């Protein structure tokens, strides 16, 4: 479906702010934000995002009960009044989960609890112009206690005051963009997708897609998603190629980092 090739794709510039599109509504939905990839005006016009009108389904299956997670005992013990976490779930064309990536947490035990819940949840396939395509679901959750939490430490009181004043969540773990890295992203293995059967190339930017993805601490591509494409027929081959990519592990101040990035990826004709 694809072959190895060097030098493909255009890395889009990114901000360090957090704001990927929010997860669909959940019980106690978390205001967890993920990095947004931004581009200059001309490039954004070249690669318009897929219209929400062309998308249907995806996310948690309609048959699933409302999400309700217990507040971890460690949070009560620490005097924490609220916790947040986000897990990204990669789904195939049938809505089956193929990968889970814990991307953000205010305390690790919140992330671990949400990851277990995500793994026990059933999902629905995403339809792009009526065609089922692989996708990514951002599963965010805000943990709140069932009863009052004693503020028994100075840090707990200070943290709660910050929340009341509208402070941002104190994420202990979260993805970063390329701007925060010690060195530029470096791909050590690449691939380019072939045009799929049944697709007629239109030429120009219509034969490109934009794929957003995470690069884990070992340099592996995780939970990619096509964010811009002219046809649903391009989605599967683009993701197959991107999954083949490998990056040199990235660091921030010498420590391994989870990275969020996006690439514009072109297609080539399949060999006859």
Protein backbone atom coordinates (compact mmCIF):
# COMPACT_ATOMS: atom_id res chain seq x y z
CA UNK A 1 0.00 0.00 0.00
CA UNK A 2 2.94 2.29 0.45
CA UNK A 3 6.69 2.34 0.00
CA UNK A 4 9.57 3.77 1.97
CA UNK A 5 10.75 7.16 0.75
CA UNK A 6 12.75 10.05 2.17
CA UNK A 7 11.84 13.70 2.41
CA UNK A 8 8.05 13.69 2.16
CA UNK A 9 5.53 15.78 4.01
CA UNK A 10 5.57 19.36 5.20
CA UNK A 11 5.59 19.97 8.94
CA UNK A 12 3.06 22.63 9.82
CA UNK A 13 4.08 25.18 12.43
CA UNK A 14 2.49 24.77 15.84
CA UNK A 15 1.73 26.81 18.91
CA UNK A 16 2.45 25.73 22.46
CA UNK A 17 -1.08 26.60 23.55
CA UNK A 18 -3.48 23.77 24.36
CA UNK A 19 -6.65 23.51 22.25
CA UNK A 20 -7.29 20.49 20.06
CA UNK A 21 -10.97 20.08 19.29
CA UNK A 22 -12.76 19.09 22.50
CA UNK A 23 -14.08 15.63 23.19
CA UNK A 24 -17.79 15.08 22.59
CA UNK A 25 -19.93 15.77 25.68
CA UNK A 26 -19.45 13.35 28.55
CA UNK A 27 -20.74 13.17 32.08
CA UNK A 28 -18.58 15.63 34.03
CA UNK A 29 -16.89 16.54 30.76
CA UNK A 30 -13.38 17.78 31.31
CA UNK A 31 -12.29 21.17 30.03
CA UNK A 32 -9.06 19.46 29.04
CA UNK A 33 -7.31 21.15 26.15
CA UNK A 34 -4.73 19.67 23.80
CA UNK A 35 -2.23 21.42 21.54
CA UNK A 36 -3.56 23.08 18.41
CA UNK A 37 -1.62 23.08 15.19
CA UNK A 38 -1.87 26.48 13.53
CA UNK A 39 -0.70 27.60 10.13
CA UNK A 40 -0.42 30.91 8.37
CA UNK A 41 -3.43 32.21 6.49
CA UNK A 42 -2.42 31.03 3.04
CA UNK A 43 -1.60 27.50 4.12
CA UNK A 44 -4.75 27.24 6.18
CA UNK A 45 -6.71 28.14 3.04
CA UNK A 46 -4.80 25.46 1.13
CA UNK A 47 -5.74 22.77 3.64
CA UNK A 48 -9.24 23.49 4.95
CA UNK A 49 -10.37 21.25 7.81
CA UNK A 50 -12.95 18.60 7.10
CA UNK A 51 -16.38 20.20 7.45
CA UNK A 52 -18.37 18.99 10.49
CA UNK A 53 -21.31 18.66 8.10
CA UNK A 54 -19.42 15.87 6.33
CA UNK A 55 -18.85 13.92 9.56
CA UNK A 56 -21.25 11.74 11.48
CA UNK A 57 -20.89 9.28 14.34
CA UNK A 58 -17.58 8.51 15.97
CA UNK A 59 -16.76 8.67 19.66
CA UNK A 60 -18.52 6.71 22.39
CA UNK A 61 -21.15 4.29 21.13
CA UNK A 62 -24.76 5.45 21.70
CA UNK A 63 -25.47 2.25 23.63
CA UNK A 64 -22.87 3.06 26.30
CA UNK A 65 -24.12 4.38 29.66
CA UNK A 66 -23.08 7.86 30.85
CA UNK A 67 -19.47 7.97 32.01
CA UNK A 68 -19.19 8.19 35.80
CA UNK A 69 -15.80 7.56 37.36
CA UNK A 70 -14.93 7.34 41.04
CA UNK A 71 -12.71 10.00 42.52
CA UNK A 72 -9.43 8.23 43.42
CA UNK A 73 -8.70 7.83 47.11
CA UNK A 74 -5.25 9.32 46.58
CA UNK A 75 -6.96 12.56 45.56
CA UNK A 76 -8.95 12.68 48.80
CA UNK A 77 -5.80 11.98 50.80
CA UNK A 78 -3.93 14.80 49.07
CA UNK A 79 -6.76 17.30 49.54
CA UNK A 80 -7.26 17.72 45.81
CA UNK A 81 -10.66 19.17 44.88
CA UNK A 82 -10.63 18.32 41.18
CA UNK A 83 -8.66 16.23 38.69
CA UNK A 84 -8.47 16.08 34.92
CA UNK A 85 -7.12 13.69 32.32
CA UNK A 86 -7.35 12.97 28.59
CA UNK A 87 -6.91 9.73 26.68
CA UNK A 88 -6.81 9.63 22.88
CA UNK A 89 -8.40 6.52 21.39
CA UNK A 90 -7.58 5.40 17.85
CA UNK A 91 -10.54 3.75 16.11
CA UNK A 92 -10.67 1.67 12.94
CA UNK A 93 -13.40 1.82 10.29
CA UNK A 94 -15.67 -0.37 12.43
CA UNK A 95 -15.26 1.70 15.56
CA UNK A 96 -12.95 -0.83 17.23
CA UNK A 97 -10.26 0.70 19.41
CA UNK A 98 -6.78 -0.09 18.08
CA UNK A 99 -4.67 2.10 20.38
CA UNK A 100 -5.02 4.13 23.58
CA UNK A 101 -2.67 6.97 24.45
CA UNK A 102 -2.76 8.77 27.78
CA UNK A 103 -1.84 12.31 26.77
CA UNK A 104 -2.54 14.53 29.80
CA UNK A 105 -3.17 14.33 33.51
CA UNK A 106 -3.09 16.61 36.52
CA UNK A 107 -2.17 13.64 38.72
CA UNK A 108 -1.09 10.26 37.37
CA UNK A 109 -3.81 8.35 39.21
CA UNK A 110 -6.47 10.39 37.38
CA UNK A 111 -4.88 9.44 34.07
CA UNK A 112 -4.65 5.77 35.00
CA UNK A 113 -8.31 5.71 36.07
CA UNK A 114 -9.45 7.29 32.82
CA UNK A 115 -7.27 4.95 30.74
CA UNK A 116 -8.91 1.92 32.36
CA UNK A 117 -12.34 3.40 31.66
CA UNK A 118 -11.42 4.14 28.03
CA UNK A 119 -10.30 0.54 27.56
CA UNK A 120 -13.65 -0.73 28.89
CA UNK A 121 -15.73 1.55 26.64
CA UNK A 122 -17.26 0.73 23.26
CA UNK A 123 -17.04 3.21 20.40
CA UNK A 124 -18.88 4.05 17.19
CA UNK A 125 -17.28 4.35 13.72
CA UNK A 126 -16.81 7.78 12.17
CA UNK A 127 -18.48 8.43 8.81
CA UNK A 128 -16.87 10.92 6.44
CA UNK A 129 -19.31 11.74 3.62
CA UNK A 130 -21.09 8.50 4.48
CA UNK A 131 -17.91 6.40 4.29
CA UNK A 132 -16.58 4.77 7.48
CA UNK A 133 -12.99 5.90 8.11
CA UNK A 134 -10.37 5.43 10.84
CA UNK A 135 -10.48 8.21 13.41
CA UNK A 136 -9.31 9.48 16.78
CA UNK A 137 -11.52 10.18 19.77
CA UNK A 138 -10.35 12.56 22.50
CA UNK A 139 -11.72 11.09 25.74
CA UNK A 140 -11.51 13.84 28.37
CA UNK A 141 -12.86 13.67 31.91
CA UNK A 142 -12.99 15.90 34.97
CA UNK A 143 -12.94 14.06 38.28
CA UNK A 144 -14.90 15.62 41.13
CA UNK A 145 -15.29 14.15 44.64
CA UNK A 146 -18.59 12.79 45.90
CA UNK A 147 -18.18 14.61 49.21
CA UNK A 148 -16.17 17.51 50.57
CA UNK A 149 -12.40 17.33 50.51
CA UNK A 150 -10.48 18.67 53.52
CA UNK A 151 -7.82 21.21 52.57
CA UNK A 152 -5.21 19.88 54.96
CA UNK A 153 -2.08 21.30 53.35
CA UNK A 154 -0.93 24.72 52.25
CA UNK A 155 -0.42 23.46 48.69
CA UNK A 156 -3.99 22.14 48.56
CA UNK A 157 -5.42 25.46 49.70
CA UNK A 158 -3.27 27.39 47.24
CA UNK A 159 -4.29 25.06 44.41
CA UNK A 160 -7.97 25.49 45.21
CA UNK A 161 -7.62 29.27 45.32
CA UNK A 162 -6.06 29.16 41.86
CA UNK A 163 -8.98 27.12 40.55
CA UNK A 164 -11.49 29.55 42.01
CA UNK A 165 -9.68 32.47 40.38
CA UNK A 166 -9.93 30.72 37.02
CA UNK A 167 -6.41 29.37 36.82
CA UNK A 168 -5.48 26.77 34.21
CA UNK A 169 -5.35 23.11 35.25
CA UNK A 170 -1.96 22.14 36.63
CA UNK A 171 -1.09 19.36 34.19
CA UNK A 172 1.86 17.36 35.44
CA UNK A 173 2.00 15.48 32.12
CA UNK A 174 0.98 16.81 28.71
CA UNK A 175 2.14 16.89 25.09
CA UNK A 176 4.37 19.61 23.71
CA UNK A 177 4.87 21.01 20.22
CA UNK A 178 8.08 21.16 18.25
CA UNK A 179 8.83 24.70 19.43
CA UNK A 180 9.44 23.39 22.96
CA UNK A 181 11.91 20.66 21.96
CA UNK A 182 15.66 20.71 22.41
CA UNK A 183 16.03 19.87 18.69
CA UNK A 184 13.84 19.79 15.60
CA UNK A 185 11.83 16.66 14.93
CA UNK A 186 13.86 14.16 12.93
CA UNK A 187 12.28 11.30 11.01
CA UNK A 188 14.41 8.19 10.73
CA UNK A 189 11.88 6.14 8.76
CA UNK A 190 9.32 7.43 6.27
CA UNK A 191 6.72 6.29 3.77
CA UNK A 192 4.50 7.91 1.17
CA UNK A 193 0.92 6.77 0.52
CA UNK A 194 -0.34 5.57 -2.84
CA UNK A 195 -3.57 6.83 -4.34
CA UNK A 196 -6.23 4.24 -3.45
CA UNK A 197 -8.20 2.25 -5.97
CA UNK A 198 -11.24 4.17 -7.15
CA UNK A 199 -9.72 7.61 -6.53
CA UNK A 200 -9.02 9.90 -9.47
CA UNK A 201 -6.23 12.39 -8.71
CA UNK A 202 -7.41 15.97 -9.05
CA UNK A 203 -4.00 17.61 -8.94
CA UNK A 204 -2.62 20.32 -6.66
CA UNK A 205 -3.58 20.48 -2.99
CA UNK A 206 -6.58 18.23 -3.56
CA UNK A 207 -4.18 15.29 -3.57
CA UNK A 208 -2.76 16.14 -0.14
CA UNK A 209 -4.09 15.48 3.34
CA UNK A 210 -3.19 16.97 6.72
CA UNK A 211 -2.53 14.40 9.43
CA UNK A 212 -2.21 15.32 13.11
CA UNK A 213 -0.44 12.82 15.32
CA UNK A 214 1.39 12.19 18.56
CA UNK A 215 4.98 11.04 18.77
CA UNK A 216 5.65 9.12 21.97
CA UNK A 217 8.80 9.19 24.04
CA UNK A 218 10.30 6.37 21.97
CA UNK A 219 9.66 8.11 18.65
CA UNK A 220 6.66 6.02 17.58
CA UNK A 221 3.67 7.59 15.81
CA UNK A 222 0.53 7.21 17.90
CA UNK A 223 -3.18 7.84 17.31
CA UNK A 224 -2.91 9.79 14.02
CA UNK A 225 -5.97 11.43 12.47
CA UNK A 226 -6.67 12.97 9.06
CA UNK A 227 -7.88 16.53 9.69
CA UNK A 228 -8.04 17.77 6.08
CA UNK A 229 -8.86 15.71 3.00
CA UNK A 230 -10.86 16.14 -0.19
CA UNK A 231 -12.14 12.56 -0.14
CA UNK A 232 -12.69 9.83 2.47
CA UNK A 233 -10.91 7.47 0.07
CA UNK A 234 -7.60 9.14 0.98
CA UNK A 235 -7.85 8.59 4.73
CA UNK A 236 -6.89 4.94 5.15
CA UNK A 237 -3.77 4.97 2.96
CA UNK A 238 -2.56 8.22 4.53
CA UNK A 239 -2.78 6.70 8.00
CA UNK A 240 -1.10 3.47 6.90
CA UNK A 241 1.87 5.47 5.63
CA UNK A 242 2.09 7.71 8.69
CA UNK A 243 1.97 4.73 11.03
CA UNK A 244 5.13 3.48 9.31
CA UNK A 245 7.03 6.65 10.20
CA UNK A 246 9.57 6.63 13.01
CA UNK A 247 11.13 9.65 14.70
CA UNK A 248 14.26 10.17 16.73
CA UNK A 249 13.02 10.39 20.35
CA UNK A 250 12.42 14.02 21.27
CA UNK A 251 13.48 15.73 24.49
CA UNK A 252 12.72 18.90 26.44
CA UNK A 253 15.64 20.00 28.63
CA UNK A 254 17.11 16.55 28.16
CA UNK A 255 13.99 14.67 29.29
CA UNK A 256 11.86 12.49 26.96
CA UNK A 257 8.73 14.23 25.70
CA UNK A 258 5.38 13.39 24.15
CA UNK A 259 5.00 15.54 21.02
CA UNK A 260 1.93 16.71 19.10
CA UNK A 261 2.51 17.64 15.45
CA UNK A 262 0.83 17.76 12.05
CA UNK A 263 2.07 17.12 8.54
CA UNK A 264 0.77 17.80 5.06
CA UNK A 265 1.22 14.52 3.18
CA UNK A 266 1.09 14.03 -0.59
CA UNK A 267 0.17 10.88 -2.51
CA UNK A 268 1.79 9.14 -5.47
CA UNK A 269 0.46 6.77 -8.11
CA UNK A 270 0.57 3.10 -7.18
CA UNK A 271 2.95 1.03 -9.34
CA UNK A 272 1.23 -0.62 -12.29
